[in-house]
């Protein structure tokens, strides 16, 4: 294949990318970042590491070898230019080492068998919780982590809500609609790239500052097909903002139940309709699919 695409049997397929963090490896991020951190998505690795240290303490064979391998691989992966390795579930690069980690995990299980009943039940319960924690993330994860490297709020949303996708409109700070503008910038989500998600609700959040206490501005969500509009609904922003918050930025949110299933060639869009062409300020506009 390399010969076919490049003319050479030896070809570096990651041209332009590499290990740029040799002198500052992202080890804490690799292990604990909400953005695909190893232990946050697969906590059973912590149990396997406990087994490694038990092996070393009891002078069991291969304990030091497994620990050194884990540290070496962690350093190598944390030195790659992107420690999260893009879209995926957890630190997927450790998948190749699952068999190796099964050895200390098995050693830990044997150790637990020899404990008193109370301790045995306690440790077994922790391991079961780790497995259930992992499964909950598996079923609720949306393929790509949408937050920053230390965004625990986004990470918690996978545990507490069935949030499948998030996108935010890229707008300048304090983006202002004037009397000459009827519509804000539009946040569009084409559904052909979300075919793998199962969702039935869109949650739209915005932060706006109204200047007119009788404002008629609307927060709109629409679903457009290739030939026609499939869904349209709007809520008046003033109904979400108390009088005391006029001329101040205020967060608003609205849930829209979608007419699922939606065609793959359709798209979701959300925007603010400046119906009476008044002056208002928009600081944020984002959509969550759940």
Protein backbone atom coordinates (compact mmCIF):
# COMPACT_ATOMS: atom_id res chain seq x y z
CA UNK A 1 0.00 0.00 0.00
CA UNK A 2 2.79 2.45 0.88
CA UNK A 3 4.50 1.64 -2.42
CA UNK A 4 1.23 2.33 -4.24
CA UNK A 5 0.54 5.73 -2.65
CA UNK A 6 4.11 7.02 -2.27
CA UNK A 7 6.35 5.10 -4.65
CA UNK A 8 8.40 3.73 -1.75
CA UNK A 9 8.13 0.61 0.38
CA UNK A 10 9.25 2.62 3.41
CA UNK A 11 7.04 5.64 4.02
CA UNK A 12 6.36 7.78 7.11
CA UNK A 13 2.57 8.06 7.00
CA UNK A 14 2.43 10.71 9.75
CA UNK A 15 4.29 13.34 7.77
CA UNK A 16 3.98 16.72 9.47
CA UNK A 17 3.28 15.18 12.88
CA UNK A 18 5.56 13.73 15.48
CA UNK A 19 6.83 13.52 19.04
CA UNK A 20 7.20 17.19 19.87
CA UNK A 21 6.94 16.89 23.66
CA UNK A 22 10.02 14.81 24.52
CA UNK A 23 11.21 17.47 26.97
CA UNK A 24 7.74 18.14 28.42
CA UNK A 25 5.62 14.98 28.14
CA UNK A 26 1.92 15.37 28.93
CA UNK A 27 1.85 12.51 31.43
CA UNK A 28 -0.74 13.99 33.85
CA UNK A 29 -3.01 14.68 30.88
CA UNK A 30 -2.44 11.22 29.41
CA UNK A 31 -3.50 9.59 32.67
CA UNK A 32 -6.07 11.95 34.17
CA UNK A 33 -7.36 14.44 31.57
CA UNK A 34 -11.11 14.40 30.85
CA UNK A 35 -9.97 14.46 27.23
CA UNK A 36 -9.29 10.71 26.84
CA UNK A 37 -7.28 10.26 30.04
CA UNK A 38 -6.48 6.59 30.65
CA UNK A 39 -7.69 6.22 34.23
CA UNK A 40 -10.78 8.42 33.87
CA UNK A 41 -12.22 6.27 31.10
CA UNK A 42 -10.82 2.86 32.08
CA UNK A 43 -10.42 2.94 35.88
CA UNK A 44 -9.77 -0.80 35.98
CA UNK A 45 -6.21 0.06 34.94
CA UNK A 46 -5.81 1.40 38.48
CA UNK A 47 -6.64 -2.08 39.78
CA UNK A 48 -4.10 -3.55 37.38
CA UNK A 49 -1.45 -1.12 38.67
CA UNK A 50 -2.30 -2.15 42.23
CA UNK A 51 -1.60 -5.71 41.10
CA UNK A 52 1.76 -4.60 39.69
CA UNK A 53 2.85 -3.14 43.02
CA UNK A 54 1.69 -6.28 44.82
CA UNK A 55 3.81 -8.35 42.44
CA UNK A 56 6.84 -6.17 43.14
CA UNK A 57 6.28 -6.26 46.91
CA UNK A 58 5.98 -10.05 46.88
CA UNK A 59 8.88 -10.42 44.44
CA UNK A 60 6.67 -12.11 41.86
CA UNK A 61 8.07 -12.52 38.36
CA UNK A 62 7.57 -9.77 35.75
CA UNK A 63 6.38 -7.13 38.23
CA UNK A 64 9.22 -4.70 37.54
CA UNK A 65 9.10 -5.47 33.82
CA UNK A 66 5.40 -4.57 33.60
CA UNK A 67 5.89 -1.37 35.62
CA UNK A 68 8.84 -0.24 33.48
CA UNK A 69 6.90 -1.03 30.32
CA UNK A 70 3.93 1.00 31.55
CA UNK A 71 6.15 3.98 32.43
CA UNK A 72 8.04 3.80 29.12
CA UNK A 73 4.87 3.57 27.05
CA UNK A 74 3.31 6.43 29.03
CA UNK A 75 6.33 8.63 28.36
CA UNK A 76 6.28 7.75 24.67
CA UNK A 77 2.57 8.45 24.21
CA UNK A 78 2.69 11.63 26.31
CA UNK A 79 5.46 12.93 24.03
CA UNK A 80 3.29 12.74 20.91
CA UNK A 81 2.15 16.17 19.71
CA UNK A 82 -1.45 15.32 20.73
CA UNK A 83 -1.61 13.25 23.91
CA UNK A 84 -5.33 12.49 23.39
CA UNK A 85 -4.69 11.09 19.88
CA UNK A 86 -7.82 12.73 18.56
CA UNK A 87 -11.28 11.21 18.61
CA UNK A 88 -11.61 8.01 20.57
CA UNK A 89 -12.66 6.57 23.90
CA UNK A 90 -9.99 6.98 26.55
CA UNK A 91 -6.31 6.44 25.85
CA UNK A 92 -6.88 3.93 23.05
CA UNK A 93 -3.15 3.41 22.53
CA UNK A 94 -3.05 1.21 25.62
CA UNK A 95 -5.36 -1.33 23.97
CA UNK A 96 -2.32 -3.23 22.67
CA UNK A 97 -1.13 -3.74 26.25
CA UNK A 98 -4.36 -5.19 27.64
CA UNK A 99 -2.95 -8.72 27.66
CA UNK A 100 0.10 -7.57 29.62
CA UNK A 101 -2.09 -5.82 32.20
CA UNK A 102 -4.22 -8.94 32.59
CA UNK A 103 -1.27 -10.55 34.41
CA UNK A 104 -1.17 -8.13 37.39
CA UNK A 105 -4.97 -7.97 37.37
CA UNK A 106 -5.12 -11.74 37.73
CA UNK A 107 -2.49 -11.54 40.47
CA UNK A 108 -4.68 -9.01 42.30
CA UNK A 109 -7.70 -11.29 42.04
CA UNK A 110 -5.71 -14.17 43.52
CA UNK A 111 -4.58 -11.88 46.33
CA UNK A 112 -8.17 -10.87 47.06
CA UNK A 113 -9.18 -14.53 47.34
CA UNK A 114 -6.94 -14.90 50.39
CA UNK A 115 -8.30 -11.88 52.27
CA UNK A 116 -10.85 -11.93 55.04
CA UNK A 117 -14.47 -11.86 53.90
CA UNK A 118 -15.09 -8.20 54.79
CA UNK A 119 -12.05 -6.90 52.90
CA UNK A 120 -12.77 -9.24 50.02
CA UNK A 121 -16.29 -7.87 49.61
CA UNK A 122 -15.07 -4.26 49.92
CA UNK A 123 -12.37 -4.57 47.24
CA UNK A 124 -14.65 -6.60 44.96
CA UNK A 125 -17.30 -3.88 45.25
CA UNK A 126 -14.76 -1.22 44.22
CA UNK A 127 -13.79 -3.27 41.16
CA UNK A 128 -17.45 -3.75 40.19
CA UNK A 129 -17.99 0.01 40.51
CA UNK A 130 -14.99 0.61 38.22
CA UNK A 131 -16.49 -1.72 35.61
CA UNK A 132 -19.94 -0.11 35.82
CA UNK A 133 -18.35 3.35 35.64
CA UNK A 134 -16.57 2.34 32.45
CA UNK A 135 -19.73 0.87 30.91
CA UNK A 136 -21.73 4.00 31.69
CA UNK A 137 -19.18 6.10 29.81
CA UNK A 138 -19.11 3.63 26.91
CA UNK A 139 -22.86 3.90 26.38
CA UNK A 140 -22.99 7.68 26.79
CA UNK A 141 -19.81 8.80 25.07
CA UNK A 142 -20.22 10.75 21.82
CA UNK A 143 -17.14 9.52 19.96
CA UNK A 144 -15.22 12.77 20.32
CA UNK A 145 -14.64 14.73 23.52
CA UNK A 146 -16.01 18.23 22.95
CA UNK A 147 -14.41 20.07 25.89
CA UNK A 148 -10.92 21.26 26.78
CA UNK A 149 -8.15 19.11 28.22
CA UNK A 150 -9.28 19.78 31.80
CA UNK A 151 -12.99 20.35 31.21
CA UNK A 152 -14.46 18.20 33.98
CA UNK A 153 -17.87 19.80 33.46
CA UNK A 154 -18.11 18.30 29.99
CA UNK A 155 -16.78 14.99 31.30
CA UNK A 156 -19.39 14.93 34.07
CA UNK A 157 -22.13 15.51 31.52
CA UNK A 158 -21.41 12.06 30.07
CA UNK A 159 -22.13 10.57 33.48
CA UNK A 160 -25.10 12.68 34.50
CA UNK A 161 -26.95 13.30 31.23
CA UNK A 162 -27.33 11.58 27.90
CA UNK A 163 -25.47 14.31 26.05
CA UNK A 164 -24.30 13.07 22.65
CA UNK A 165 -22.93 16.10 20.83
CA UNK A 166 -21.98 19.72 21.48
CA UNK A 167 -21.11 22.56 19.15
CA UNK A 168 -20.61 26.25 19.81
CA UNK A 169 -20.81 29.17 17.42
CA UNK A 170 -17.50 30.93 16.93
CA UNK A 171 -18.39 34.56 17.59
CA UNK A 172 -16.43 37.60 18.60
CA UNK A 173 -16.64 38.76 22.19
CA UNK A 174 -19.82 40.78 22.77
CA UNK A 175 -21.13 40.23 19.23
CA UNK A 176 -23.76 42.93 18.73
CA UNK A 177 -26.87 42.92 16.58
CA UNK A 178 -27.94 46.37 15.41
CA UNK A 179 -31.18 47.71 14.03
CA UNK A 180 -29.90 46.89 10.54
CA UNK A 181 -29.63 43.14 11.23
CA UNK A 182 -32.65 40.87 11.41
CA UNK A 183 -30.79 37.61 12.04
CA UNK A 184 -27.70 36.65 14.01
CA UNK A 185 -24.99 34.37 12.75
CA UNK A 186 -26.27 30.81 12.36
CA UNK A 187 -24.91 27.78 14.19
CA UNK A 188 -25.34 24.87 11.76
CA UNK A 189 -24.94 21.16 12.49
CA UNK A 190 -25.10 18.91 9.38
CA UNK A 191 -26.49 15.55 10.43
CA UNK A 192 -24.60 13.52 7.83
CA UNK A 193 -21.60 13.56 10.17
CA UNK A 194 -23.68 12.46 13.17
CA UNK A 195 -25.19 9.30 11.69
CA UNK A 196 -23.77 7.22 14.57
CA UNK A 197 -25.61 9.16 17.30
CA UNK A 198 -29.01 8.39 18.77
CA UNK A 199 -30.61 11.62 20.04
CA UNK A 200 -34.10 13.10 20.26
CA UNK A 201 -33.58 16.49 21.88
CA UNK A 202 -31.60 19.66 21.23
CA UNK A 203 -30.69 21.97 24.09
CA UNK A 204 -29.77 25.48 22.94
CA UNK A 205 -27.95 27.81 25.28
CA UNK A 206 -27.12 31.44 24.76
CA UNK A 207 -25.91 34.43 26.72
CA UNK A 208 -27.54 37.67 25.60
CA UNK A 209 -28.12 41.22 26.74
CA UNK A 210 -31.43 42.76 25.71
CA UNK A 211 -31.82 46.52 25.63
CA UNK A 212 -35.58 46.74 25.13
CA UNK A 213 -37.83 45.57 27.98
CA UNK A 214 -40.49 44.79 25.35
CA UNK A 215 -38.08 42.87 23.15
CA UNK A 216 -39.55 40.51 20.55
CA UNK A 217 -36.24 38.78 19.77
CA UNK A 218 -36.53 35.01 19.40
CA UNK A 219 -34.23 32.06 19.98
CA UNK A 220 -34.85 29.74 17.03
CA UNK A 221 -34.10 26.11 16.27
CA UNK A 222 -34.84 24.67 12.84
CA UNK A 223 -34.29 21.42 10.98
CA UNK A 224 -33.85 21.82 7.24
CA UNK A 225 -34.15 19.02 4.70
CA UNK A 226 -32.73 19.17 1.17
CA UNK A 227 -36.00 20.55 -0.22
CA UNK A 228 -38.03 21.83 2.71
CA UNK A 229 -38.04 22.80 6.37
CA UNK A 230 -38.81 19.80 8.58
CA UNK A 231 -39.09 21.58 11.93
CA UNK A 232 -39.12 25.13 13.26
CA UNK A 233 -39.68 26.38 16.78
CA UNK A 234 -38.83 29.60 18.61
CA UNK A 235 -39.03 31.02 22.11
CA UNK A 236 -39.10 34.68 23.07
CA UNK A 237 -35.88 35.67 24.83
CA UNK A 238 -37.71 38.17 27.02
CA UNK A 239 -39.69 35.29 28.58
CA UNK A 240 -36.36 33.87 29.77
CA UNK A 241 -34.87 37.11 31.08
CA UNK A 242 -36.20 39.03 34.11
CA UNK A 243 -36.67 42.79 33.89
CA UNK A 244 -33.79 43.33 36.32
CA UNK A 245 -31.41 41.76 33.78
CA UNK A 246 -32.22 44.11 30.91
CA UNK A 247 -28.99 45.61 29.53
CA UNK A 248 -27.01 42.85 31.26
CA UNK A 249 -25.68 39.60 29.86
CA UNK A 250 -27.91 36.75 31.00
CA UNK A 251 -27.79 33.02 30.26
CA UNK A 252 -30.84 31.43 28.67
CA UNK A 253 -31.54 27.84 27.68
CA UNK A 254 -34.34 26.02 25.89
CA UNK A 255 -35.02 22.36 25.14
CA UNK A 256 -36.40 21.40 21.73
CA UNK A 257 -37.83 17.90 21.20
CA UNK A 258 -36.90 16.84 17.69
CA UNK A 259 -39.12 14.95 15.21
CA UNK A 260 -36.88 11.89 15.09
CA UNK A 261 -35.74 10.04 13.13
CA UNK A 262 -34.23 12.84 11.07
CA UNK A 263 -32.92 12.28 7.52
CA UNK A 264 -29.15 12.00 7.26
CA UNK A 265 -29.10 14.74 4.62
CA UNK A 266 -30.85 17.25 6.89
CA UNK A 267 -29.28 19.80 9.19
CA UNK A 268 -30.00 21.50 12.50
CA UNK A 269 -29.56 25.24 12.76
CA UNK A 270 -30.04 27.68 15.60
CA UNK A 271 -29.88 31.46 15.64
CA UNK A 272 -31.45 34.58 17.11
CA UNK A 273 -34.16 36.26 15.09
CA UNK A 274 -34.03 39.98 15.74
CA UNK A 275 -37.68 40.27 14.81
CA UNK A 276 -38.16 43.98 15.52
CA UNK A 277 -34.61 44.91 14.52
CA UNK A 278 -33.58 46.12 17.94
CA UNK A 279 -30.11 46.38 19.43
CA UNK A 280 -28.91 43.43 21.50
CA UNK A 281 -25.65 41.70 22.41
CA UNK A 282 -24.80 38.01 22.04
CA UNK A 283 -21.93 36.53 24.00
CA UNK A 284 -22.53 32.81 23.38
CA UNK A 285 -24.62 30.44 21.28
CA UNK A 286 -24.28 26.66 21.58
CA UNK A 287 -26.30 23.51 20.99
CA UNK A 288 -26.26 20.13 22.74
CA UNK A 289 -27.85 17.02 21.24
CA UNK A 290 -29.16 14.57 23.83
